Amino acid sequence: MADIKISGRKISVTDEMRNRVEDKIGGALKVFDIHPMSADVVLRVDKNPSNPERKTCEVTVYVRDRIVRVTSSSDDIDAAIDEAASKVSRQIRKYKTKVLDRRTRAPRPVVEMSVSDLADLIEEVPADEQLVREKYVKLTPMTEEEALVQTDLLGHGFYVFENATTGLINVIYRRRNGGYGIIKPQIESEDGIA
């Protein structure tokens, strides 16, 4: 979860306001689960009586090496917080989309492994370190790009999915030296390997 700092200018931040900010802004940030991410939220009231939208919520989100900043004003501080949360959600979604677009345009290193390569990775497991957990996953057909997004959103080191193009099971994994790799099954035909 993102670290959220809340402060007030010309307004004292009540527990109710603090809870609303953590619920709305924190909820908007939690959906994207990008690390590291932190946010500064400033609630303020302008003393200009001619301005009907005097209550403002400013949100500055620090996402990896980028800054996302939104401001929302209203005559009600709760409405300003709700609108700011909506704007933050849209801006971070836009950030994620740009990151994904950049990743899909750039050539990704793809590592292909043969059966012998996989066999070399398998080690003998002592009896006390046998399989201790079994997990079933629902395989949803998706593109490789969608699987990359899911890997990032879940924060896992790998993601198993059904390739929408081929209908085969693929695994995308995060490489130790950076980037991603994909494991695809090798199809055998009557003539040999296709």
N, C-alpha and C. Protein backbone atom coordinates (compact mmCIF):
# COMPACT_ATOMS: atom_id res chain seq x y z
N MET A 1 0.84 -1.18 0.00
CA MET A 1 0.00 0.00 0.00
C MET A 1 0.88 1.23 0.00
N ALA A 2 0.40 2.30 -0.64
CA ALA A 2 1.16 3.53 -0.76
C ALA A 2 1.17 4.28 0.57
N ASP A 3 2.28 4.95 0.83
CA ASP A 3 2.42 5.80 2.01
C ASP A 3 1.75 7.14 1.71
N ILE A 4 0.77 7.55 2.53
CA ILE A 4 0.02 8.79 2.29
C ILE A 4 0.25 9.75 3.44
N LYS A 5 0.75 10.95 3.12
CA LYS A 5 0.93 12.01 4.12
C LYS A 5 -0.18 13.02 3.90
N ILE A 6 -0.90 13.36 4.97
CA ILE A 6 -2.05 14.27 4.88
C ILE A 6 -1.74 15.51 5.70
N SER A 7 -1.94 16.68 5.10
CA SER A 7 -1.74 17.93 5.84
C SER A 7 -2.85 18.90 5.45
N GLY A 8 -3.01 19.95 6.27
CA GLY A 8 -4.04 20.94 6.02
C GLY A 8 -3.47 22.35 6.03
N ARG A 9 -4.02 23.19 5.18
CA ARG A 9 -3.64 24.61 5.15
C ARG A 9 -4.91 25.42 5.38
N LYS A 10 -4.87 26.22 6.44
CA LYS A 10 -6.02 27.04 6.84
C LYS A 10 -7.23 26.18 7.17
N ILE A 11 -6.94 24.94 7.53
CA ILE A 11 -7.99 24.00 7.93
C ILE A 11 -7.35 22.94 8.83
N SER A 12 -8.04 22.56 9.88
CA SER A 12 -7.51 21.47 10.70
C SER A 12 -8.10 20.16 10.17
N VAL A 13 -7.22 19.20 9.96
CA VAL A 13 -7.63 17.92 9.38
C VAL A 13 -8.23 17.07 10.48
N THR A 14 -9.51 16.77 10.34
CA THR A 14 -10.21 15.95 11.33
C THR A 14 -9.99 14.47 11.02
N ASP A 15 -10.32 13.63 11.98
CA ASP A 15 -10.21 12.18 11.77
C ASP A 15 -11.11 11.72 10.63
N GLU A 16 -12.28 12.35 10.51
CA GLU A 16 -13.21 12.00 9.43
C GLU A 16 -12.60 12.32 8.07
N MET A 17 -11.95 13.50 7.95
CA MET A 17 -11.28 13.86 6.68
C MET A 17 -10.13 12.91 6.40
N ARG A 18 -9.35 12.60 7.42
CA ARG A 18 -8.21 11.70 7.27
C ARG A 18 -8.69 10.31 6.80
N ASN A 19 -9.76 9.81 7.41
CA ASN A 19 -10.30 8.50 7.01
C ASN A 19 -10.81 8.53 5.57
N ARG A 20 -11.46 9.63 5.18
CA ARG A 20 -11.98 9.74 3.82
C ARG A 20 -10.84 9.75 2.80
N VAL A 21 -9.77 10.51 3.11
CA VAL A 21 -8.61 10.57 2.21
C VAL A 21 -7.98 9.19 2.08
N GLU A 22 -7.77 8.51 3.22
CA GLU A 22 -7.16 7.19 3.17
C GLU A 22 -8.04 6.19 2.43
N ASP A 23 -9.37 6.33 2.58
CA ASP A 23 -10.30 5.44 1.91
C ASP A 23 -10.33 5.71 0.40
N LYS A 24 -10.54 6.95 0.02
CA LYS A 24 -10.72 7.29 -1.40
C LYS A 24 -9.39 7.32 -2.16
N ILE A 25 -8.44 8.15 -1.70
CA ILE A 25 -7.16 8.27 -2.40
C ILE A 25 -6.37 6.97 -2.25
N GLY A 26 -6.33 6.42 -1.03
CA GLY A 26 -5.63 5.16 -0.81
C GLY A 26 -6.22 4.04 -1.64
N GLY A 27 -7.54 4.01 -1.76
CA GLY A 27 -8.20 2.99 -2.58
C GLY A 27 -7.84 3.13 -4.04
N ALA A 28 -7.77 4.39 -4.53
CA ALA A 28 -7.41 4.62 -5.93
C ALA A 28 -5.97 4.18 -6.19
N LEU A 29 -5.07 4.40 -5.22
CA LEU A 29 -3.67 4.02 -5.41
C LEU A 29 -3.47 2.52 -5.27
N LYS A 30 -4.25 1.89 -4.40
CA LYS A 30 -4.10 0.45 -4.12
C LYS A 30 -4.40 -0.39 -5.35
N VAL A 31 -5.30 0.08 -6.19
CA VAL A 31 -5.71 -0.67 -7.38
C VAL A 31 -4.52 -0.93 -8.30
N PHE A 32 -3.58 0.03 -8.36
CA PHE A 32 -2.49 -0.08 -9.33
C PHE A 32 -1.27 -0.80 -8.77
N ASP A 33 -1.08 -0.84 -7.48
CA ASP A 33 -0.03 -1.63 -6.85
C ASP A 33 1.31 -1.50 -7.55
N ILE A 34 1.78 -0.24 -7.70
CA ILE A 34 3.08 0.03 -8.29
C ILE A 34 4.01 0.37 -7.13
N HIS A 35 5.20 -0.22 -7.12
CA HIS A 35 6.15 0.07 -6.04
C HIS A 35 7.39 0.69 -6.62
N PRO A 36 7.99 1.68 -6.02
CA PRO A 36 7.51 2.42 -4.84
C PRO A 36 6.51 3.48 -5.25
N MET A 37 5.55 3.76 -4.38
CA MET A 37 4.56 4.80 -4.61
C MET A 37 4.24 5.45 -3.27
N SER A 38 4.24 6.80 -3.25
CA SER A 38 3.84 7.53 -2.05
C SER A 38 3.04 8.74 -2.50
N ALA A 39 2.29 9.32 -1.57
CA ALA A 39 1.43 10.45 -1.94
C ALA A 39 1.42 11.49 -0.83
N ASP A 40 1.37 12.74 -1.23
CA ASP A 40 1.18 13.88 -0.32
C ASP A 40 -0.18 14.47 -0.65
N VAL A 41 -1.04 14.60 0.36
CA VAL A 41 -2.37 15.17 0.16
C VAL A 41 -2.45 16.43 1.01
N VAL A 42 -2.80 17.55 0.36
CA VAL A 42 -2.96 18.82 1.07
C VAL A 42 -4.41 19.26 0.92
N LEU A 43 -5.07 19.44 2.07
CA LEU A 43 -6.44 19.95 2.09
C LEU A 43 -6.34 21.42 2.49
N ARG A 44 -7.03 22.30 1.75
CA ARG A 44 -6.95 23.71 2.10
C ARG A 44 -8.26 24.42 1.83
N VAL A 45 -8.44 25.52 2.53
CA VAL A 45 -9.62 26.37 2.36
C VAL A 45 -9.13 27.76 2.02
N ASP A 46 -9.57 28.28 0.86
CA ASP A 46 -9.24 29.65 0.47
C ASP A 46 -10.21 30.59 1.17
N LYS A 47 -9.72 31.70 1.67
CA LYS A 47 -10.54 32.64 2.43
C LYS A 47 -11.23 33.68 1.55
N ASN A 48 -11.24 33.49 0.25
CA ASN A 48 -11.87 34.44 -0.66
C ASN A 48 -13.37 34.14 -0.74
N PRO A 49 -14.22 35.01 -0.15
CA PRO A 49 -15.66 34.72 -0.14
C PRO A 49 -16.31 34.80 -1.53
N SER A 50 -15.66 35.43 -2.49
CA SER A 50 -16.25 35.52 -3.83
C SER A 50 -16.06 34.23 -4.63
N ASN A 51 -15.20 33.32 -4.13
CA ASN A 51 -14.96 32.05 -4.81
C ASN A 51 -15.85 30.98 -4.18
N PRO A 52 -16.87 30.47 -4.93
CA PRO A 52 -17.77 29.49 -4.33
C PRO A 52 -17.08 28.13 -4.08
N GLU A 53 -16.05 27.80 -4.87
CA GLU A 53 -15.35 26.53 -4.69
C GLU A 53 -14.07 26.80 -3.89
N ARG A 54 -14.25 27.02 -2.60
CA ARG A 54 -13.12 27.44 -1.77
C ARG A 54 -12.36 26.28 -1.17
N LYS A 55 -12.90 25.11 -1.15
CA LYS A 55 -12.23 23.97 -0.53
C LYS A 55 -11.51 23.16 -1.61
N THR A 56 -10.21 22.89 -1.37
CA THR A 56 -9.37 22.28 -2.39
C THR A 56 -8.63 21.07 -1.82
N CYS A 57 -8.48 20.07 -2.65
CA CYS A 57 -7.69 18.88 -2.32
C CYS A 57 -6.61 18.74 -3.39
N GLU A 58 -5.35 18.86 -2.97
CA GLU A 58 -4.22 18.69 -3.89
C GLU A 58 -3.56 17.36 -3.57
N VAL A 59 -3.33 16.56 -4.60
CA VAL A 59 -2.71 15.25 -4.41
C VAL A 59 -1.48 15.18 -5.30
N THR A 60 -0.34 14.86 -4.69
CA THR A 60 0.90 14.65 -5.43
C THR A 60 1.33 13.22 -5.17
N VAL A 61 1.41 12.43 -6.24
CA VAL A 61 1.78 11.02 -6.13
C VAL A 61 3.16 10.85 -6.76
N TYR A 62 4.04 10.20 -6.02
CA TYR A 62 5.39 9.90 -6.50
C TYR A 62 5.41 8.43 -6.91
N VAL A 63 5.44 8.18 -8.23
CA VAL A 63 5.41 6.83 -8.78
C VAL A 63 6.74 6.56 -9.46
N ARG A 64 7.52 5.68 -8.85
CA ARG A 64 8.86 5.36 -9.35
C ARG A 64 9.61 6.65 -9.63
N ASP A 65 9.90 6.97 -10.86
CA ASP A 65 10.66 8.18 -11.16
C ASP A 65 9.77 9.30 -11.72
N ARG A 66 8.47 9.20 -11.55
CA ARG A 66 7.53 10.20 -12.07
C ARG A 66 6.72 10.83 -10.95
N ILE A 67 6.13 11.98 -11.27
CA ILE A 67 5.24 12.66 -10.32
C ILE A 67 3.91 12.86 -11.02
N VAL A 68 2.83 12.48 -10.33
CA VAL A 68 1.47 12.71 -10.82
C VAL A 68 0.83 13.68 -9.85
N ARG A 69 0.33 14.82 -10.36
CA ARG A 69 -0.25 15.83 -9.49
C ARG A 69 -1.64 16.20 -10.00
N VAL A 70 -2.61 16.22 -9.09
CA VAL A 70 -3.97 16.64 -9.43
C VAL A 70 -4.48 17.60 -8.36
N THR A 71 -5.38 18.48 -8.78
CA THR A 71 -6.02 19.42 -7.86
C THR A 71 -7.51 19.40 -8.15
N SER A 72 -8.29 19.42 -7.08
CA SER A 72 -9.74 19.43 -7.23
C SER A 72 -10.32 20.40 -6.22
N SER A 73 -11.27 21.24 -6.66
CA SER A 73 -11.91 22.22 -5.78
C SER A 73 -13.41 22.05 -5.80
N SER A 74 -14.03 22.36 -4.67
CA SER A 74 -15.48 22.26 -4.55
C SER A 74 -15.91 23.09 -3.35
N ASP A 75 -17.22 23.24 -3.19
CA ASP A 75 -17.73 23.94 -2.01
C ASP A 75 -17.80 23.00 -0.82
N ASP A 76 -17.56 21.69 -1.04
CA ASP A 76 -17.57 20.69 0.01
C ASP A 76 -16.25 19.92 -0.03
N ILE A 77 -15.56 19.80 1.10
CA ILE A 77 -14.25 19.14 1.12
C ILE A 77 -14.35 17.66 0.75
N ASP A 78 -15.45 17.00 1.13
CA ASP A 78 -15.63 15.59 0.77
C ASP A 78 -15.75 15.41 -0.74
N ALA A 79 -16.48 16.33 -1.38
CA ALA A 79 -16.62 16.26 -2.84
C ALA A 79 -15.28 16.51 -3.52
N ALA A 80 -14.47 17.43 -2.96
CA ALA A 80 -13.15 17.71 -3.53
C ALA A 80 -12.25 16.48 -3.41
N ILE A 81 -12.32 15.78 -2.28
CA ILE A 81 -11.51 14.56 -2.08
C ILE A 81 -11.95 13.47 -3.06
N ASP A 82 -13.26 13.29 -3.22
CA ASP A 82 -13.78 12.27 -4.15
C ASP A 82 -13.33 12.55 -5.58
N GLU A 83 -13.44 13.81 -6.00
CA GLU A 83 -13.04 14.17 -7.37
C GLU A 83 -11.54 14.00 -7.56
N ALA A 84 -10.75 14.36 -6.55
CA ALA A 84 -9.29 14.19 -6.64
C ALA A 84 -8.94 12.71 -6.76
N ALA A 85 -9.63 11.85 -6.03
CA ALA A 85 -9.37 10.41 -6.11
C ALA A 85 -9.66 9.90 -7.52
N SER A 86 -10.74 10.38 -8.12
CA SER A 86 -11.09 9.97 -9.48
C SER A 86 -10.03 10.44 -10.48
N LYS A 87 -9.56 11.67 -10.31
CA LYS A 87 -8.53 12.21 -11.20
C LYS A 87 -7.21 11.45 -11.05
N VAL A 88 -6.84 11.13 -9.81
CA VAL A 88 -5.61 10.39 -9.56
C VAL A 88 -5.68 9.02 -10.23
N SER A 89 -6.82 8.36 -10.11
CA SER A 89 -7.00 7.05 -10.72
C SER A 89 -6.81 7.13 -12.23
N ARG A 90 -7.40 8.14 -12.86
CA ARG A 90 -7.26 8.30 -14.32
C ARG A 90 -5.81 8.58 -14.71
N GLN A 91 -5.12 9.45 -13.94
CA GLN A 91 -3.74 9.80 -14.28
C GLN A 91 -2.80 8.60 -14.12
N ILE A 92 -2.99 7.81 -13.07
CA ILE A 92 -2.11 6.66 -12.87
C ILE A 92 -2.41 5.59 -13.91
N ARG A 93 -3.67 5.45 -14.30
CA ARG A 93 -4.01 4.51 -15.38
C ARG A 93 -3.31 4.94 -16.67
N LYS A 94 -3.29 6.25 -16.92
CA LYS A 94 -2.62 6.78 -18.10
C LYS A 94 -1.11 6.50 -18.02
N TYR A 95 -0.53 6.67 -16.82
CA TYR A 95 0.89 6.36 -16.62
C TYR A 95 1.17 4.89 -16.92
N LYS A 96 0.34 3.99 -16.39
CA LYS A 96 0.53 2.56 -16.62
C LYS A 96 0.41 2.23 -18.11
N THR A 97 -0.54 2.88 -18.79
CA THR A 97 -0.72 2.65 -20.22
C THR A 97 0.52 3.08 -20.99
N LYS A 98 1.10 4.23 -20.62
CA LYS A 98 2.31 4.69 -21.30
C LYS A 98 3.46 3.73 -21.06
N VAL A 99 3.60 3.24 -19.84
CA VAL A 99 4.66 2.28 -19.53
C VAL A 99 4.46 1.02 -20.36
N LEU A 100 3.22 0.55 -20.45
CA LEU A 100 2.93 -0.65 -21.23
C LEU A 100 3.19 -0.42 -22.71
N ASP A 101 2.79 0.76 -23.24
CA ASP A 101 3.03 1.06 -24.65
C ASP A 101 4.52 1.09 -24.94
N ARG A 102 5.29 1.68 -24.03
CA ARG A 102 6.73 1.75 -24.20
C ARG A 102 7.32 0.35 -24.21
N ARG A 103 6.80 -0.50 -23.35
CA ARG A 103 7.31 -1.87 -23.23
C ARG A 103 6.96 -2.69 -24.47
N THR A 104 5.78 -2.47 -25.04
CA THR A 104 5.39 -3.27 -26.20
C THR A 104 6.08 -2.78 -27.47
N ARG A 105 6.43 -1.49 -27.54
CA ARG A 105 7.14 -0.99 -28.71
C ARG A 105 8.60 -1.41 -28.72
N ALA A 106 9.22 -1.40 -27.56
CA ALA A 106 10.62 -1.78 -27.47
C ALA A 106 10.74 -3.30 -27.63
N PRO A 107 11.77 -3.74 -28.32
CA PRO A 107 11.93 -5.19 -28.44
C PRO A 107 12.26 -5.79 -27.08
N ARG A 108 11.49 -6.80 -26.72
CA ARG A 108 11.69 -7.47 -25.44
C ARG A 108 12.56 -8.69 -25.69
N PRO A 109 13.50 -8.92 -24.80
CA PRO A 109 14.27 -10.15 -24.96
C PRO A 109 13.39 -11.35 -24.62
N VAL A 110 13.32 -12.28 -25.53
CA VAL A 110 12.52 -13.49 -25.31
C VAL A 110 13.49 -14.66 -25.24
N VAL A 111 13.41 -15.40 -24.18
CA VAL A 111 14.30 -16.54 -23.99
C VAL A 111 13.51 -17.80 -24.32
N GLU A 112 14.01 -18.55 -25.25
CA GLU A 112 13.38 -19.82 -25.57
C GLU A 112 14.19 -20.93 -24.92
N MET A 113 13.50 -21.88 -24.33
CA MET A 113 14.18 -22.95 -23.62
C MET A 113 13.79 -24.29 -24.23
N SER A 114 14.76 -25.15 -24.32
CA SER A 114 14.47 -26.50 -24.80
C SER A 114 14.19 -27.40 -23.60
N VAL A 115 13.79 -28.61 -23.87
CA VAL A 115 13.50 -29.56 -22.80
C VAL A 115 14.76 -29.83 -21.99
N SER A 116 15.90 -29.92 -22.65
CA SER A 116 17.16 -30.19 -21.92
C SER A 116 17.52 -29.00 -21.03
N ASP A 117 17.24 -27.76 -21.50
CA ASP A 117 17.48 -26.58 -20.66
C ASP A 117 16.63 -26.63 -19.40
N LEU A 118 15.37 -27.01 -19.56
CA LEU A 118 14.49 -27.12 -18.40
C LEU A 118 14.95 -28.24 -17.47
N ALA A 119 15.41 -29.34 -18.04
CA ALA A 119 15.88 -30.46 -17.22
C ALA A 119 17.09 -30.04 -16.39
N ASP A 120 17.95 -29.18 -16.97
CA ASP A 120 19.12 -28.69 -16.23
C ASP A 120 18.72 -27.83 -15.04
N LEU A 121 17.57 -27.19 -15.12
CA LEU A 121 17.11 -26.32 -14.03
C LEU A 121 16.53 -27.11 -12.86
N ILE A 122 16.11 -28.33 -13.12
CA ILE A 122 15.48 -29.14 -12.08
C ILE A 122 16.55 -29.73 -11.18
N GLU A 123 16.38 -29.51 -9.88
CA GLU A 123 17.33 -30.03 -8.91
C GLU A 123 16.64 -31.09 -8.07
N GLU A 124 17.42 -31.98 -7.51
CA GLU A 124 16.87 -32.96 -6.58
C GLU A 124 16.43 -32.22 -5.32
N VAL A 125 15.24 -32.51 -4.86
CA VAL A 125 14.70 -31.86 -3.68
C VAL A 125 14.76 -32.84 -2.52
N PRO A 126 15.38 -32.43 -1.40
CA PRO A 126 15.38 -33.32 -0.24
C PRO A 126 13.96 -33.64 0.20
N ALA A 127 13.79 -34.79 0.89
CA ALA A 127 12.46 -35.26 1.28
C ALA A 127 11.71 -34.24 2.13
N ASP A 128 12.43 -33.45 2.95
CA ASP A 128 11.74 -32.48 3.81
C ASP A 128 11.37 -31.20 3.05
N GLU A 129 11.78 -31.07 1.79
CA GLU A 129 11.45 -29.89 0.99
C GLU A 129 10.55 -30.25 -0.19
N GLN A 130 9.70 -31.23 -0.01
CA GLN A 130 8.80 -31.65 -1.07
C GLN A 130 7.71 -30.60 -1.28
N LEU A 131 6.92 -30.79 -2.30
CA LEU A 131 5.83 -29.91 -2.64
C LEU A 131 4.90 -29.72 -1.44
N VAL A 132 4.70 -28.49 -1.02
CA VAL A 132 3.90 -28.23 0.17
C VAL A 132 2.62 -27.46 -0.14
N ARG A 133 2.48 -26.97 -1.36
CA ARG A 133 1.27 -26.22 -1.67
C ARG A 133 0.86 -26.50 -3.11
N GLU A 134 -0.43 -26.59 -3.30
CA GLU A 134 -0.98 -26.81 -4.63
C GLU A 134 -1.97 -25.69 -4.89
N LYS A 135 -1.86 -25.05 -6.05
CA LYS A 135 -2.74 -23.93 -6.35
C LYS A 135 -3.32 -24.12 -7.75
N TYR A 136 -4.62 -23.88 -7.88
CA TYR A 136 -5.29 -23.97 -9.16
C TYR A 136 -5.53 -22.55 -9.67
N VAL A 137 -5.30 -22.33 -10.95
CA VAL A 137 -5.52 -21.01 -11.54
C VAL A 137 -6.50 -21.13 -12.68
N LYS A 138 -7.31 -20.10 -12.82
CA LYS A 138 -8.23 -20.04 -13.94
C LYS A 138 -7.48 -19.38 -15.09
N LEU A 139 -7.33 -20.08 -16.19
CA LEU A 139 -6.59 -19.55 -17.32
C LEU A 139 -7.53 -18.77 -18.22
N THR A 140 -7.23 -17.51 -18.37
CA THR A 140 -8.03 -16.62 -19.20
C THR A 140 -7.27 -16.33 -20.48
N PRO A 141 -7.89 -16.46 -21.63
CA PRO A 141 -7.19 -16.11 -22.88
C PRO A 141 -6.85 -14.62 -22.89
N MET A 142 -5.58 -14.32 -23.17
CA MET A 142 -5.13 -12.93 -23.25
C MET A 142 -3.89 -12.85 -24.11
N THR A 143 -3.57 -11.62 -24.51
CA THR A 143 -2.37 -11.40 -25.31
C THR A 143 -1.16 -11.36 -24.38
N GLU A 144 0.03 -11.41 -24.97
CA GLU A 144 1.25 -11.34 -24.17
C GLU A 144 1.34 -10.00 -23.44
N GLU A 145 0.90 -8.92 -24.10
CA GLU A 145 0.94 -7.59 -23.48
C GLU A 145 0.02 -7.52 -22.26
N GLU A 146 -1.17 -8.12 -22.38
CA GLU A 146 -2.10 -8.14 -21.24
C GLU A 146 -1.51 -8.96 -20.09
N ALA A 147 -0.82 -10.04 -20.42
CA ALA A 147 -0.19 -10.86 -19.38
C ALA A 147 0.92 -10.09 -18.68
N LEU A 148 1.66 -9.25 -19.42
CA LEU A 148 2.69 -8.40 -18.80
C LEU A 148 2.06 -7.45 -17.79
N VAL A 149 0.92 -6.86 -18.16
CA VAL A 149 0.23 -5.95 -17.24
C VAL A 149 -0.20 -6.70 -15.99
N GLN A 150 -0.75 -7.91 -16.16
CA GLN A 150 -1.18 -8.70 -15.02
C GLN A 150 0.00 -9.05 -14.11
N THR A 151 1.15 -9.36 -14.71
CA THR A 151 2.34 -9.66 -13.92
C THR A 151 2.72 -8.47 -13.06
N ASP A 152 2.69 -7.26 -13.66
CA ASP A 152 3.00 -6.05 -12.91
C ASP A 152 1.95 -5.77 -11.85
N LEU A 153 0.68 -5.90 -12.21
CA LEU A 153 -0.38 -5.59 -11.26
C LEU A 153 -0.35 -6.52 -10.05
N LEU A 154 -0.04 -7.79 -10.29
CA LEU A 154 -0.01 -8.76 -9.20
C LEU A 154 1.30 -8.70 -8.42
N GLY A 155 2.35 -8.19 -9.06
CA GLY A 155 3.64 -8.12 -8.39
C GLY A 155 4.32 -9.47 -8.27
N HIS A 156 3.94 -10.42 -9.10
CA HIS A 156 4.53 -11.75 -9.05
C HIS A 156 5.75 -11.81 -9.96
N GLY A 157 6.56 -12.83 -9.75
CA GLY A 157 7.72 -13.03 -10.59
C GLY A 157 7.39 -13.75 -11.89
N PHE A 158 6.20 -14.34 -11.98
CA PHE A 158 5.79 -15.02 -13.20
C PHE A 158 4.27 -14.98 -13.30
N TYR A 159 3.76 -15.28 -14.49
CA TYR A 159 2.32 -15.30 -14.70
C TYR A 159 2.00 -16.37 -15.76
N VAL A 160 1.09 -17.28 -15.44
CA VAL A 160 0.66 -18.35 -16.34
C VAL A 160 -0.64 -17.91 -17.00
N PHE A 161 -0.72 -18.03 -18.34
CA PHE A 161 -1.92 -17.59 -19.04
C PHE A 161 -2.10 -18.40 -20.32
N GLU A 162 -3.32 -18.33 -20.86
CA GLU A 162 -3.60 -18.95 -22.15
C GLU A 162 -3.41 -17.89 -23.21
N ASN A 163 -2.52 -18.14 -24.15
CA ASN A 163 -2.24 -17.19 -25.21
C ASN A 163 -3.45 -17.11 -26.13
N ALA A 164 -4.04 -15.91 -26.26
CA ALA A 164 -5.26 -15.74 -27.06
C ALA A 164 -5.00 -16.01 -28.54
N THR A 165 -3.77 -15.80 -28.99
CA THR A 165 -3.45 -16.00 -30.40
C THR A 165 -3.31 -17.47 -30.74
N THR A 166 -2.60 -18.21 -29.88
CA THR A 166 -2.32 -19.62 -30.20
C THR A 166 -3.21 -20.60 -29.46
N GLY A 167 -3.80 -20.18 -28.34
CA GLY A 167 -4.61 -21.07 -27.54
C GLY A 167 -3.78 -21.98 -26.64
N LEU A 168 -2.47 -21.75 -26.59
CA LEU A 168 -1.58 -22.58 -25.79
C LEU A 168 -1.25 -21.90 -24.46
N ILE A 169 -0.79 -22.69 -23.51
CA ILE A 169 -0.41 -22.16 -22.20
C ILE A 169 1.00 -21.57 -22.30
N ASN A 170 1.18 -20.33 -21.83
CA ASN A 170 2.46 -19.65 -21.82
C ASN A 170 2.75 -19.17 -20.40
N VAL A 171 4.02 -18.92 -20.12
CA VAL A 171 4.44 -18.37 -18.83
C VAL A 171 5.33 -17.17 -19.10
N ILE A 172 4.95 -16.03 -18.53
CA ILE A 172 5.80 -14.84 -18.59
C ILE A 172 6.49 -14.74 -17.24
N TYR A 173 7.78 -14.46 -17.26
CA TYR A 173 8.51 -14.36 -16.00
C TYR A 173 9.45 -13.17 -16.02
N ARG A 174 9.71 -12.64 -14.82
CA ARG A 174 10.62 -11.51 -14.65
C ARG A 174 12.04 -12.06 -14.55
N ARG A 175 12.93 -11.54 -15.38
CA ARG A 175 14.32 -12.00 -15.38
C ARG A 175 15.12 -11.30 -14.29
N ARG A 176 16.07 -11.99 -13.72
CA ARG A 176 16.89 -11.40 -12.65
C ARG A 176 17.66 -10.18 -13.12
N ASN A 177 18.14 -10.20 -14.37
CA ASN A 177 18.94 -9.09 -14.88
C ASN A 177 18.08 -8.03 -15.58
N GLY A 178 16.79 -8.06 -15.36
CA GLY A 178 15.88 -7.07 -15.94
C GLY A 178 15.15 -7.60 -17.15
N GLY A 179 14.03 -7.02 -17.44
CA GLY A 179 13.23 -7.45 -18.58
C GLY A 179 12.38 -8.66 -18.24
N TYR A 180 11.73 -9.19 -19.26
CA TYR A 180 10.84 -10.34 -19.08
C TYR A 180 11.21 -11.40 -20.09
N GLY A 181 10.88 -12.62 -19.76
CA GLY A 181 11.04 -13.74 -20.67
C GLY A 181 9.69 -14.43 -20.81
N ILE A 182 9.56 -15.25 -21.84
CA ILE A 182 8.31 -15.99 -22.02
C ILE A 182 8.66 -17.44 -22.35
N ILE A 183 7.93 -18.33 -21.74
CA ILE A 183 8.11 -19.76 -22.00
C ILE A 183 6.89 -20.23 -22.79
N LYS A 184 7.16 -20.80 -23.99
CA LYS A 184 6.09 -21.28 -24.86
C LYS A 184 6.32 -22.76 -25.13
N PRO A 185 5.25 -23.53 -25.23
CA PRO A 185 5.44 -24.96 -25.54
C PRO A 185 5.84 -25.15 -26.99
N GLN A 186 6.66 -26.17 -27.23
CA GLN A 186 7.07 -26.50 -28.58
C GLN A 186 6.06 -27.53 -29.09
N ILE A 187 5.45 -27.26 -30.21
CA ILE A 187 4.40 -28.12 -30.76
C ILE A 187 5.00 -29.21 -31.62
N GLU A 188 4.54 -30.44 -31.38
CA GLU A 188 5.00 -31.58 -32.20
C GLU A 188 3.92 -31.91 -33.22
N SER A 189 4.34 -32.14 -34.44
CA SER A 189 3.41 -32.54 -35.50
C SER A 189 3.82 -33.93 -35.98
N GLU A 190 3.07 -34.51 -36.92
CA GLU A 190 3.40 -35.84 -37.43
C GLU A 190 4.74 -35.83 -38.17
N ASP A 191 5.06 -34.70 -38.81
CA ASP A 191 6.30 -34.58 -39.57
C ASP A 191 7.51 -34.33 -38.68
N GLY A 192 7.31 -34.01 -37.47
CA GLY A 192 8.40 -33.64 -36.58
C GLY A 192 7.96 -32.45 -35.74
N ILE A 193 8.93 -31.67 -35.35
CA ILE A 193 8.61 -30.52 -34.51
C ILE A 193 8.27 -29.34 -35.38
N ALA A 194 7.17 -28.67 -35.08
CA ALA A 194 6.73 -27.52 -35.88
C ALA A 194 7.32 -26.25 -35.33
